[in-house]
Amino acid sequence: MGDYQIGRDKTLSAVVLGVFAISVQQFVQLVRDAKTDDDMAERLWPAATVPPEALSVRLRRVTVSDVPAELRPEFQRFYGTEHPADRLVFDVLDADDARAFARRA
């Protein structure tokens, strides 16, 4: 899982795992066994406690200012301190993934 820490309290992944009522270990096993993203969706959504649209709306509203105070130093260490408070966390994560997994020529 590299630097990612899945399922820690007050993290986005903890929210997502809670919606599907699964543990980190169960999630990692599902990912290991899945052949495609659709395969994951077919396994996860039947166990969801909220509809997909509601989860999407909830997660798409999370901004840098929503990062809990106790997690902020670690967030800033990973992603920097230059993000405005109203920047969406998923925009920060997407930009970080683009840098981390950029195609090398």
PDB file of N, CA and C in Angstrom:
ATOM      1  N   MET A   1       0.818  -1.187   0.000  1.00  0.00           N
ATOM      2  CA  MET A   1       0.000   0.000   0.000  1.00  0.00           C
ATOM      3  C   MET A   1       0.865   1.255   0.000  1.00  0.00           C
ATOM      4  N   GLY A   2       2.157   1.088   0.006  1.00  0.00           N
ATOM      5  CA  GLY A   2       3.039   2.246  -0.061  1.00  0.00           C
ATOM      6  C   GLY A   2       2.855   3.168   1.118  1.00  0.00           C
ATOM      7  N   ASP A   3       2.809   4.476   0.845  1.00  0.00           N
ATOM      8  CA  ASP A   3       2.658   5.470   1.900  1.00  0.00           C
ATOM      9  C   ASP A   3       1.213   5.625   2.367  1.00  0.00           C
ATOM     10  N   TYR A   4       0.281   5.021   1.639  1.00  0.00           N
ATOM     11  CA  TYR A   4      -1.118   5.174   2.005  1.00  0.00           C
ATOM     12  C   TYR A   4      -1.422   4.408   3.284  1.00  0.00           C
ATOM     13  N   GLN A   5      -2.213   5.033   4.121  1.00  0.00           N
ATOM     14  CA  GLN A   5      -2.648   4.420   5.370  1.00  0.00           C
ATOM     15  C   GLN A   5      -4.163   4.333   5.332  1.00  0.00           C
ATOM     16  N   ILE A   6      -4.651   3.174   4.997  1.00  0.00           N
ATOM     17  CA  ILE A   6      -6.075   2.980   4.779  1.00  0.00           C
ATOM     18  C   ILE A   6      -6.794   2.745   6.105  1.00  0.00           C
ATOM     19  N   GLY A   7      -7.922   3.430   6.268  1.00  0.00           N
ATOM     20  CA  GLY A   7      -8.815   3.141   7.375  1.00  0.00           C
ATOM     21  C   GLY A   7      -8.537   3.825   8.693  1.00  0.00           C
ATOM     22  N   ARG A   8      -7.529   4.676   8.751  1.00  0.00           N
ATOM     23  CA  ARG A   8      -7.258   5.386  10.012  1.00  0.00           C
ATOM     24  C   ARG A   8      -8.446   6.253  10.383  1.00  0.00           C
ATOM     25  N   ASP A   9      -8.661   6.421  11.678  1.00  0.00           N
ATOM     26  CA  ASP A   9      -9.762   7.251  12.163  1.00  0.00           C
ATOM     27  C   ASP A   9      -9.751   8.619  11.498  1.00  0.00           C
ATOM     28  N   LYS A  10     -10.940   9.087  11.165  1.00  0.00           N
ATOM     29  CA  LYS A  10     -11.173  10.426  10.624  1.00  0.00           C
ATOM     30  C   LYS A  10     -10.570  10.664   9.246  1.00  0.00           C
ATOM     31  N   THR A  11     -10.280   9.595   8.519  1.00  0.00           N
ATOM     32  CA  THR A  11      -9.766   9.748   7.162  1.00  0.00           C
ATOM     33  C   THR A  11     -10.877   9.437   6.163  1.00  0.00           C
ATOM     34  N   LEU A  12     -10.677   9.849   4.920  1.00  0.00           N
ATOM     35  CA  LEU A  12     -11.670   9.563   3.885  1.00  0.00           C
ATOM     36  C   LEU A  12     -11.847   8.064   3.690  1.00  0.00           C
ATOM     37  N   SER A  13     -10.746   7.337   3.754  1.00  0.00           N
ATOM     38  CA  SER A  13     -10.880   5.885   3.559  1.00  0.00           C
ATOM     39  C   SER A  13     -11.690   5.253   4.686  1.00  0.00           C
ATOM     40  N   ALA A  14     -11.588   5.776   5.899  1.00  0.00           N
ATOM     41  CA  ALA A  14     -12.396   5.253   7.003  1.00  0.00           C
ATOM     42  C   ALA A  14     -13.879   5.482   6.741  1.00  0.00           C
ATOM     43  N   VAL A  15     -14.210   6.635   6.189  1.00  0.00           N
ATOM     44  CA  VAL A  15     -15.609   6.923   5.830  1.00  0.00           C
ATOM     45  C   VAL A  15     -16.093   5.917   4.797  1.00  0.00           C
ATOM     46  N   VAL A  16     -15.289   5.702   3.772  1.00  0.00           N
ATOM     47  CA  VAL A  16     -15.675   4.790   2.695  1.00  0.00           C
ATOM     48  C   VAL A  16     -15.802   3.355   3.220  1.00  0.00           C
ATOM     49  N   LEU A  17     -14.833   2.905   3.995  1.00  0.00           N
ATOM     50  CA  LEU A  17     -14.910   1.547   4.545  1.00  0.00           C
ATOM     51  C   LEU A  17     -16.135   1.394   5.446  1.00  0.00           C
ATOM     52  N   GLY A  18     -16.469   2.444   6.177  1.00  0.00           N
ATOM     53  CA  GLY A  18     -17.657   2.408   7.027  1.00  0.00           C
ATOM     54  C   GLY A  18     -18.931   2.264   6.221  1.00  0.00           C
ATOM     55  N   VAL A  19     -19.001   2.947   5.089  1.00  0.00           N
ATOM     56  CA  VAL A  19     -20.179   2.855   4.220  1.00  0.00           C
ATOM     57  C   VAL A  19     -20.375   1.416   3.740  1.00  0.00           C
ATOM     58  N   PHE A  20     -19.272   0.730   3.494  1.00  0.00           N
ATOM     59  CA  PHE A  20     -19.358  -0.647   3.007  1.00  0.00           C
ATOM     60  C   PHE A  20     -19.265  -1.677   4.129  1.00  0.00           C
ATOM     61  N   ALA A  21     -19.106  -1.199   5.353  1.00  0.00           N
ATOM     62  CA  ALA A  21     -19.048  -2.074   6.537  1.00  0.00           C
ATOM     63  C   ALA A  21     -18.010  -3.187   6.375  1.00  0.00           C
ATOM     64  N   ILE A  22     -16.818  -2.784   5.920  1.00  0.00           N
ATOM     65  CA  ILE A  22     -15.744  -3.764   5.787  1.00  0.00           C
ATOM     66  C   ILE A  22     -14.483  -3.241   6.457  1.00  0.00           C
ATOM     67  N   SER A  23     -13.619  -4.160   6.807  1.00  0.00           N
ATOM     68  CA  SER A  23     -12.346  -3.806   7.435  1.00  0.00           C
ATOM     69  C   SER A  23     -11.300  -3.510   6.364  1.00  0.00           C
ATOM     70  N   VAL A  24     -10.199  -2.962   6.795  1.00  0.00           N
ATOM     71  CA  VAL A  24      -9.082  -2.707   5.879  1.00  0.00           C
ATOM     72  C   VAL A  24      -8.629  -4.020   5.258  1.00  0.00           C
ATOM     73  N   GLN A  25      -8.506  -5.044   6.084  1.00  0.00           N
ATOM     74  CA  GLN A  25      -8.043  -6.340   5.589  1.00  0.00           C
ATOM     75  C   GLN A  25      -9.003  -6.904   4.530  1.00  0.00           C
ATOM     76  N   GLN A  26     -10.304  -6.779   4.775  1.00  0.00           N
ATOM     77  CA  GLN A  26     -11.282  -7.252   3.795  1.00  0.00           C
ATOM     78  C   GLN A  26     -11.173  -6.459   2.496  1.00  0.00           C
ATOM     79  N   PHE A  27     -11.002  -5.148   2.621  1.00  0.00           N
ATOM     80  CA  PHE A  27     -10.874  -4.310   1.435  1.00  0.00           C
ATOM     81  C   PHE A  27      -9.638  -4.691   0.626  1.00  0.00           C
ATOM     82  N   VAL A  28      -8.510  -4.846   1.301  1.00  0.00           N
ATOM     83  CA  VAL A  28      -7.271  -5.200   0.608  1.00  0.00           C
ATOM     84  C   VAL A  28      -7.431  -6.543  -0.100  1.00  0.00           C
ATOM     85  N   GLN A  29      -8.085  -7.493   0.543  1.00  0.00           N
ATOM     86  CA  GLN A  29      -8.314  -8.795  -0.087  1.00  0.00           C
ATOM     87  C   GLN A  29      -9.211  -8.670  -1.317  1.00  0.00           C
ATOM     88  N   LEU A  30     -10.261  -7.842  -1.210  1.00  0.00           N
ATOM     89  CA  LEU A  30     -11.135  -7.626  -2.367  1.00  0.00           C
ATOM     90  C   LEU A  30     -10.358  -7.036  -3.541  1.00  0.00           C
ATOM     91  N   VAL A  31      -9.502  -6.066  -3.248  1.00  0.00           N
ATOM     92  CA  VAL A  31      -8.688  -5.463  -4.310  1.00  0.00           C
ATOM     93  C   VAL A  31      -7.773  -6.511  -4.923  1.00  0.00           C
ATOM     94  N   ARG A  32      -7.168  -7.327  -4.067  1.00  0.00           N
ATOM     95  CA  ARG A  32      -6.281  -8.386  -4.560  1.00  0.00           C
ATOM     96  C   ARG A  32      -7.008  -9.343  -5.508  1.00  0.00           C
ATOM     97  N   ASP A  33      -8.246  -9.672  -5.153  1.00  0.00           N
ATOM     98  CA  ASP A  33      -9.014 -10.655  -5.913  1.00  0.00           C
ATOM     99  C   ASP A  33      -9.703 -10.074  -7.143  1.00  0.00           C
ATOM    100  N   ALA A  34      -9.906  -8.772  -7.166  1.00  0.00           N
ATOM    101  CA  ALA A  34     -10.646  -8.136  -8.260  1.00  0.00           C
ATOM    102  C   ALA A  34      -9.808  -8.097  -9.527  1.00  0.00           C
ATOM    103  N   LYS A  35     -10.489  -8.281 -10.620  1.00  0.00           N
ATOM    104  CA  LYS A  35      -9.807  -8.199 -11.918  1.00  0.00           C
ATOM    105  C   LYS A  35     -10.004  -6.822 -12.557  1.00  0.00           C
ATOM    106  N   THR A  36     -11.116  -6.143 -12.202  1.00  0.00           N
ATOM    107  CA  THR A  36     -11.420  -4.835 -12.780  1.00  0.00           C
ATOM    108  C   THR A  36     -12.067  -3.942 -11.722  1.00  0.00           C
ATOM    109  N   ASP A  37     -12.164  -2.648 -12.032  1.00  0.00           N
ATOM    110  CA  ASP A  37     -12.879  -1.722 -11.154  1.00  0.00           C
ATOM    111  C   ASP A  37     -14.353  -2.117 -11.047  1.00  0.00           C
ATOM    112  N   ASP A  38     -14.926  -2.563 -12.161  1.00  0.00           N
ATOM    113  CA  ASP A  38     -16.332  -2.993 -12.137  1.00  0.00           C
ATOM    114  C   ASP A  38     -16.527  -4.179 -11.207  1.00  0.00           C
ATOM    115  N   ASP A  39     -15.567  -5.063 -11.176  1.00  0.00           N
ATOM    116  CA  ASP A  39     -15.616  -6.211 -10.277  1.00  0.00           C
ATOM    117  C   ASP A  39     -15.679  -5.732  -8.820  1.00  0.00           C
ATOM    118  N   MET A  40     -14.870  -4.731  -8.494  1.00  0.00           N
ATOM    119  CA  MET A  40     -14.889  -4.162  -7.130  1.00  0.00           C
ATOM    120  C   MET A  40     -16.257  -3.561  -6.829  1.00  0.00           C
ATOM    121  N   ALA A  41     -16.770  -2.790  -7.758  1.00  0.00           N
ATOM    122  CA  ALA A  41     -18.068  -2.142  -7.547  1.00  0.00           C
ATOM    123  C   ALA A  41     -19.163  -3.178  -7.325  1.00  0.00           C
ATOM    124  N   GLU A  42     -19.151  -4.239  -8.102  1.00  0.00           N
ATOM    125  CA  GLU A  42     -20.161  -5.287  -7.954  1.00  0.00           C
ATOM    126  C   GLU A  42     -20.081  -5.972  -6.601  1.00  0.00           C
ATOM    127  N   ARG A  43     -18.905  -6.047  -6.035  1.00  0.00           N
ATOM    128  CA  ARG A  43     -18.732  -6.686  -4.726  1.00  0.00           C
ATOM    129  C   ARG A  43     -19.074  -5.738  -3.576  1.00  0.00           C
ATOM    130  N   LEU A  44     -18.777  -4.445  -3.770  1.00  0.00           N
ATOM    131  CA  LEU A  44     -18.947  -3.495  -2.671  1.00  0.00           C
ATOM    132  C   LEU A  44     -20.364  -2.931  -2.542  1.00  0.00           C
ATOM    133  N   TRP A  45     -20.935  -2.465  -3.642  1.00  0.00           N
ATOM    134  CA  TRP A  45     -22.188  -1.714  -3.543  1.00  0.00           C
ATOM    135  C   TRP A  45     -23.345  -2.465  -2.891  1.00  0.00           C
ATOM    136  N   PRO A  46     -23.487  -3.772  -3.058  1.00  0.00           N
ATOM    137  CA  PRO A  46     -24.604  -4.444  -2.368  1.00  0.00           C
ATOM    138  C   PRO A  46     -24.542  -4.314  -0.840  1.00  0.00           C
ATOM    139  N   ALA A  47     -23.362  -4.103  -0.283  1.00  0.00           N
ATOM    140  CA  ALA A  47     -23.214  -3.987   1.170  1.00  0.00           C
ATOM    141  C   ALA A  47     -23.275  -2.543   1.663  1.00  0.00           C
ATOM    142  N   ALA A  48     -23.400  -1.592   0.763  1.00  0.00           N
ATOM    143  CA  ALA A  48     -23.352  -0.174   1.131  1.00  0.00           C
ATOM    144  C   ALA A  48     -24.528   0.212   2.025  1.00  0.00           C
ATOM    145  N   THR A  49     -24.233   1.097   2.969  1.00  0.00           N
ATOM    146  CA  THR A  49     -25.263   1.600   3.885  1.00  0.00           C
ATOM    147  C   THR A  49     -25.884   2.899   3.398  1.00  0.00           C
ATOM    148  N   VAL A  50     -25.345   3.467   2.318  1.00  0.00           N
ATOM    149  CA  VAL A  50     -25.904   4.669   1.691  1.00  0.00           C
ATOM    150  C   VAL A  50     -25.854   4.477   0.177  1.00  0.00           C
ATOM    151  N   PRO A  51     -26.710   5.166  -0.556  1.00  0.00           N
ATOM    152  CA  PRO A  51     -26.660   5.063  -2.020  1.00  0.00           C
ATOM    153  C   PRO A  51     -25.381   5.689  -2.583  1.00  0.00           C
ATOM    154  N   PRO A  52     -24.939   5.208  -3.743  1.00  0.00           N
ATOM    155  CA  PRO A  52     -23.713   5.744  -4.343  1.00  0.00           C
ATOM    156  C   PRO A  52     -23.730   7.258  -4.503  1.00  0.00           C
ATOM    157  N   GLU A  53     -24.873   7.808  -4.907  1.00  0.00           N
ATOM    158  CA  GLU A  53     -24.953   9.248  -5.129  1.00  0.00           C
ATOM    159  C   GLU A  53     -24.702  10.025  -3.833  1.00  0.00           C
ATOM    160  N   ALA A  54     -25.237   9.530  -2.727  1.00  0.00           N
ATOM    161  CA  ALA A  54     -25.060  10.212  -1.441  1.00  0.00           C
ATOM    162  C   ALA A  54     -23.599  10.181  -0.996  1.00  0.00           C
ATOM    163  N   LEU A  55     -22.945   9.057  -1.184  1.00  0.00           N
ATOM    164  CA  LEU A  55     -21.525   8.972  -0.834  1.00  0.00           C
ATOM    165  C   LEU A  55     -20.707   9.909  -1.710  1.00  0.00           C
ATOM    166  N   SER A  56     -20.998   9.921  -2.997  1.00  0.00           N
ATOM    167  CA  SER A  56     -20.271  10.791  -3.918  1.00  0.00           C
ATOM    168  C   SER A  56     -20.429  12.254  -3.526  1.00  0.00           C
ATOM    169  N   VAL A  57     -21.655  12.666  -3.237  1.00  0.00           N
ATOM    170  CA  VAL A  57     -21.904  14.058  -2.838  1.00  0.00           C
ATOM    171  C   VAL A  57     -21.135  14.381  -1.564  1.00  0.00           C
ATOM    172  N   ARG A  58     -21.177  13.475  -0.604  1.00  0.00           N
ATOM    173  CA  ARG A  58     -20.481  13.708   0.672  1.00  0.00           C
ATOM    174  C   ARG A  58     -18.980  13.866   0.457  1.00  0.00           C
ATOM    175  N   LEU A  59     -18.380  12.960  -0.289  1.00  0.00           N
ATOM    176  CA  LEU A  59     -16.935  12.994  -0.478  1.00  0.00           C
ATOM    177  C   LEU A  59     -16.490  14.167  -1.352  1.00  0.00           C
ATOM    178  N   ARG A  60     -17.318  14.564  -2.313  1.00  0.00           N
ATOM    179  CA  ARG A  60     -16.956  15.671  -3.206  1.00  0.00           C
ATOM    180  C   ARG A  60     -17.042  17.037  -2.530  1.00  0.00           C
ATOM    181  N   ARG A  61     -17.550  17.078  -1.334  1.00  0.00           N
ATOM    182  CA  ARG A  61     -17.646  18.346  -0.594  1.00  0.00           C
ATOM    183  C   ARG A  61     -16.500  18.556   0.389  1.00  0.00           C
ATOM    184  N   VAL A  62     -15.676  17.554   0.605  1.00  0.00           N
ATOM    185  CA  VAL A  62     -14.612  17.640   1.610  1.00  0.00           C
ATOM    186  C   VAL A  62     -13.507  18.563   1.105  1.00  0.00           C
ATOM    187  N   THR A  63     -13.230  19.603   1.886  1.00  0.00           N
ATOM    188  CA  THR A  63     -12.194  20.571   1.522  1.00  0.00           C
ATOM    189  C   THR A  63     -11.009  20.456   2.474  1.00  0.00           C
ATOM    190  N   VAL A  64      -9.946  21.145   2.122  1.00  0.00           N
ATOM    191  CA  VAL A  64      -8.747  21.167   2.962  1.00  0.00           C
ATOM    192  C   VAL A  64      -9.095  21.643   4.377  1.00  0.00           C
ATOM    193  N   SER A  65     -10.030  22.572   4.498  1.00  0.00           N
ATOM    194  CA  SER A  65     -10.408  23.048   5.832  1.00  0.00           C
ATOM    195  C   SER A  65     -11.106  21.970   6.659  1.00  0.00           C
ATOM    196  N   ASP A  66     -11.608  20.911   6.004  1.00  0.00           N
ATOM    197  CA  ASP A  66     -12.265  19.815   6.719  1.00  0.00           C
ATOM    198  C   ASP A  66     -11.289  18.783   7.275  1.00  0.00           C
ATOM    199  N   VAL A  67     -10.022  18.864   6.889  1.00  0.00           N
ATOM    200  CA  VAL A  67      -9.037  17.919   7.418  1.00  0.00           C
ATOM    201  C   VAL A  67      -8.969  18.133   8.930  1.00  0.00           C
ATOM    202  N   PRO A  68      -9.200  17.060   9.716  1.00  0.00           N
ATOM    203  CA  PRO A  68      -9.179  17.224  11.177  1.00  0.00           C
ATOM    204  C   PRO A  68      -7.840  17.776  11.659  1.00  0.00           C
ATOM    205  N   ALA A  69      -7.896  18.592  12.693  1.00  0.00           N
ATOM    206  CA  ALA A  69      -6.699  19.260  13.216  1.00  0.00           C
ATOM    207  C   ALA A  69      -5.590  18.265  13.543  1.00  0.00           C
ATOM    208  N   GLU A  70      -5.960  17.121  14.097  1.00  0.00           N
ATOM    209  CA  GLU A  70      -4.925  16.149  14.483  1.00  0.00           C
ATOM    210  C   GLU A  70      -4.287  15.461  13.265  1.00  0.00           C
ATOM    211  N   LEU A  71      -4.929  15.531  12.103  1.00  0.00           N
ATOM    212  CA  LEU A  71      -4.366  14.948  10.889  1.00  0.00           C
ATOM    213  C   LEU A  71      -3.720  15.988   9.976  1.00  0.00           C
ATOM    214  N   ARG A  72      -3.940  17.261  10.275  1.00  0.00           N
ATOM    215  CA  ARG A  72      -3.443  18.328   9.401  1.00  0.00           C
ATOM    216  C   ARG A  72      -1.925  18.321   9.225  1.00  0.00           C
ATOM    217  N   PRO A  73      -1.120  18.146  10.294  1.00  0.00           N
ATOM    218  CA  PRO A  73       0.342  18.138  10.067  1.00  0.00           C
ATOM    219  C   PRO A  73       0.789  17.036   9.104  1.00  0.00           C
ATOM    220  N   GLU A  74       0.194  15.869   9.214  1.00  0.00           N
ATOM    221  CA  GLU A  74       0.554  14.780   8.312  1.00  0.00           C
ATOM    222  C   GLU A  74       0.071  15.067   6.892  1.00  0.00           C
ATOM    223  N   PHE A  75      -1.136  15.600   6.769  1.00  0.00           N
ATOM    224  CA  PHE A  75      -1.666  15.985   5.452  1.00  0.00           C
ATOM    225  C   PHE A  75      -0.724  16.992   4.790  1.00  0.00           C
ATOM    226  N   GLN A  76      -0.306  17.979   5.535  1.00  0.00           N
ATOM    227  CA  GLN A  76       0.578  19.003   4.989  1.00  0.00           C
ATOM    228  C   GLN A  76       1.951  18.443   4.641  1.00  0.00           C
ATOM    229  N   ARG A  77       2.428  17.491   5.416  1.00  0.00           N
ATOM    230  CA  ARG A  77       3.721  16.868   5.119  1.00  0.00           C
ATOM    231  C   ARG A  77       3.642  16.109   3.789  1.00  0.00           C
ATOM    232  N   PHE A  78       2.544  15.405   3.560  1.00  0.00           N
ATOM    233  CA  PHE A  78       2.378  14.645   2.323  1.00  0.00           C
ATOM    234  C   PHE A  78       2.056  15.529   1.123  1.00  0.00           C
ATOM    235  N   TYR A  79       1.179  16.522   1.327  1.00  0.00           N
ATOM    236  CA  TYR A  79       0.604  17.242   0.191  1.00  0.00           C
ATOM    237  C   TYR A  79       0.975  18.713   0.117  1.00  0.00           C
ATOM    238  N   GLY A  80       1.701  19.212   1.104  1.00  0.00           N
ATOM    239  CA  GLY A  80       2.120  20.603   1.094  1.00  0.00           C
ATOM    240  C   GLY A  80       1.179  21.505   1.884  1.00  0.00           C
ATOM    241  N   THR A  81       1.617  22.727   2.083  1.00  0.00           N
ATOM    242  CA  THR A  81       0.874  23.694   2.892  1.00  0.00           C
ATOM    243  C   THR A  81       0.246  24.802   2.053  1.00  0.00           C
ATOM    244  N   GLU A  82       0.442  24.754   0.742  1.00  0.00           N
ATOM    245  CA  GLU A  82       0.014  25.864  -0.111  1.00  0.00           C
ATOM    246  C   GLU A  82      -1.441  25.795  -0.556  1.00  0.00           C
ATOM    247  N   HIS A  83      -2.188  24.807  -0.121  1.00  0.00           N
ATOM    248  CA  HIS A  83      -3.564  24.650  -0.594  1.00  0.00           C
ATOM    249  C   HIS A  83      -4.521  25.580   0.139  1.00  0.00           C
ATOM    250  N   PRO A  84      -5.351  26.293  -0.602  1.00  0.00           N
ATOM    251  CA  PRO A  84      -6.343  27.146   0.055  1.00  0.00           C
ATOM    252  C   PRO A  84      -7.369  26.280   0.804  1.00  0.00           C
ATOM    253  N   ALA A  85      -7.958  26.849   1.827  1.00  0.00           N
ATOM    254  CA  ALA A  85      -8.898  26.117   2.679  1.00  0.00           C
ATOM    255  C   ALA A  85     -10.082  25.551   1.912  1.00  0.00           C
ATOM    256  N   ASP A  86     -10.479  26.206   0.824  1.00  0.00           N
ATOM    257  CA  ASP A  86     -11.659  25.752   0.081  1.00  0.00           C
ATOM    258  C   ASP A  86     -11.322  24.770  -1.050  1.00  0.00           C
ATOM    259  N   ARG A  87     -10.058  24.378  -1.167  1.00  0.00           N
ATOM    260  CA  ARG A  87      -9.695  23.411  -2.217  1.00  0.00           C
ATOM    261  C   ARG A  87     -10.222  22.029  -1.824  1.00  0.00           C
ATOM    262  N   LEU A  88     -10.786  21.350  -2.782  1.00  0.00           N
ATOM    263  CA  LEU A  88     -11.319  20.013  -2.525  1.00  0.00           C
ATOM    264  C   LEU A  88     -10.174  19.032  -2.283  1.00  0.00           C
ATOM    265  N   VAL A  89     -10.337  18.206  -1.257  1.00  0.00           N
ATOM    266  CA  VAL A  89      -9.303  17.232  -0.914  1.00  0.00           C
ATOM    267  C   VAL A  89      -9.054  16.283  -2.085  1.00  0.00           C
ATOM    268  N   PHE A  90     -10.100  15.866  -2.790  1.00  0.00           N
ATOM    269  CA  PHE A  90      -9.883  14.962  -3.910  1.00  0.00           C
ATOM    270  C   PHE A  90      -9.095  15.623  -5.043  1.00  0.00           C
ATOM    271  N   ASP A  91      -9.178  16.936  -5.186  1.00  0.00           N
ATOM    272  CA  ASP A  91      -8.333  17.630  -6.159  1.00  0.00           C
ATOM    273  C   ASP A  91      -6.870  17.553  -5.731  1.00  0.00           C
ATOM    274  N   VAL A  92      -6.625  17.688  -4.431  1.00  0.00           N
ATOM    275  CA  VAL A  92      -5.265  17.566  -3.901  1.00  0.00           C
ATOM    276  C   VAL A  92      -4.748  16.152  -4.154  1.00  0.00           C
ATOM    277  N   LEU A  93      -5.569  15.153  -3.853  1.00  0.00           N
ATOM    278  CA  LEU A  93      -5.164  13.755  -4.038  1.00  0.00           C
ATOM    279  C   LEU A  93      -4.938  13.427  -5.512  1.00  0.00           C
ATOM    280  N   ASP A  94      -5.813  13.921  -6.379  1.00  0.00           N
ATOM    281  CA  ASP A  94      -5.645  13.682  -7.818  1.00  0.00           C
ATOM    282  C   ASP A  94      -4.339  14.282  -8.330  1.00  0.00           C
ATOM    283  N   ALA A  95      -4.033  15.496  -7.902  1.00  0.00           N
ATOM    284  CA  ALA A  95      -2.794  16.146  -8.329  1.00  0.00           C
ATOM    285  C   ALA A  95      -1.577  15.372  -7.818  1.00  0.00           C
ATOM    286  N   ASP A  96      -1.658  14.886  -6.588  1.00  0.00           N
ATOM    287  CA  ASP A  96      -0.562  14.111  -6.025  1.00  0.00           C
ATOM    288  C   ASP A  96      -0.378  12.798  -6.791  1.00  0.00           C
ATOM    289  N   ASP A  97      -1.475  12.126  -7.103  1.00  0.00           N
ATOM    290  CA  ASP A  97      -1.389  10.890  -7.886  1.00  0.00           C
ATOM    291  C   ASP A  97      -0.790  11.154  -9.262  1.00  0.00           C
ATOM    292  N   ALA A  98      -1.183  12.250  -9.890  1.00  0.00           N
ATOM    293  CA  ALA A  98      -0.643  12.585 -11.211  1.00  0.00           C
ATOM    294  C   ALA A  98       0.872  12.764 -11.151  1.00  0.00           C
ATOM    295  N   ARG A  99       1.350  13.402 -10.073  1.00  0.00           N
ATOM    296  CA  ARG A  99       2.806  13.557  -9.910  1.00  0.00           C
ATOM    297  C   ARG A  99       3.466  12.225  -9.609  1.00  0.00           C
ATOM    298  N   ALA A 100       2.893  11.458  -8.704  1.00  0.00           N
ATOM    299  CA  ALA A 100       3.504  10.218  -8.253  1.00  0.00           C
ATOM    300  C   ALA A 100       3.529   9.146  -9.339  1.00  0.00           C
ATOM    301  N   PHE A 101       2.495   9.133 -10.172  1.00  0.00           N
ATOM    302  CA  PHE A 101       2.368   8.073 -11.157  1.00  0.00           C
ATOM    303  C   PHE A 101       2.480   8.574 -12.599  1.00  0.00           C
ATOM    304  N   ALA A 102       3.152   9.703 -12.751  1.00  0.00           N
ATOM    305  CA  ALA A 102       3.330  10.265 -14.094  1.00  0.00           C
ATOM    306  C   ALA A 102       4.134   9.292 -14.948  1.00  0.00           C
ATOM    307  N   ARG A 103       3.767   9.252 -16.205  1.00  0.00           N
ATOM    308  CA  ARG A 103       4.522   8.401 -17.133  1.00  0.00           C
ATOM    309  C   ARG A 103       5.917   8.957 -17.298  1.00  0.00           C
ATOM    310  N   ARG A 104       6.847   8.112 -17.198  1.00  0.00           N
ATOM    311  CA  ARG A 104       8.239   8.517 -17.362  1.00  0.00           C
ATOM    312  C   ARG A 104       8.654   8.243 -18.814  1.00  0.00           C
ATOM    313  N   ALA A 105       9.233   9.218 -19.450  1.00  0.00           N
ATOM    314  CA  ALA A 105       9.634   9.063 -20.858  1.00  0.00           C
ATOM    315  C   ALA A 105      10.901   8.263 -20.987  1.00  0.00           C
TER     316      ALA A 105
END
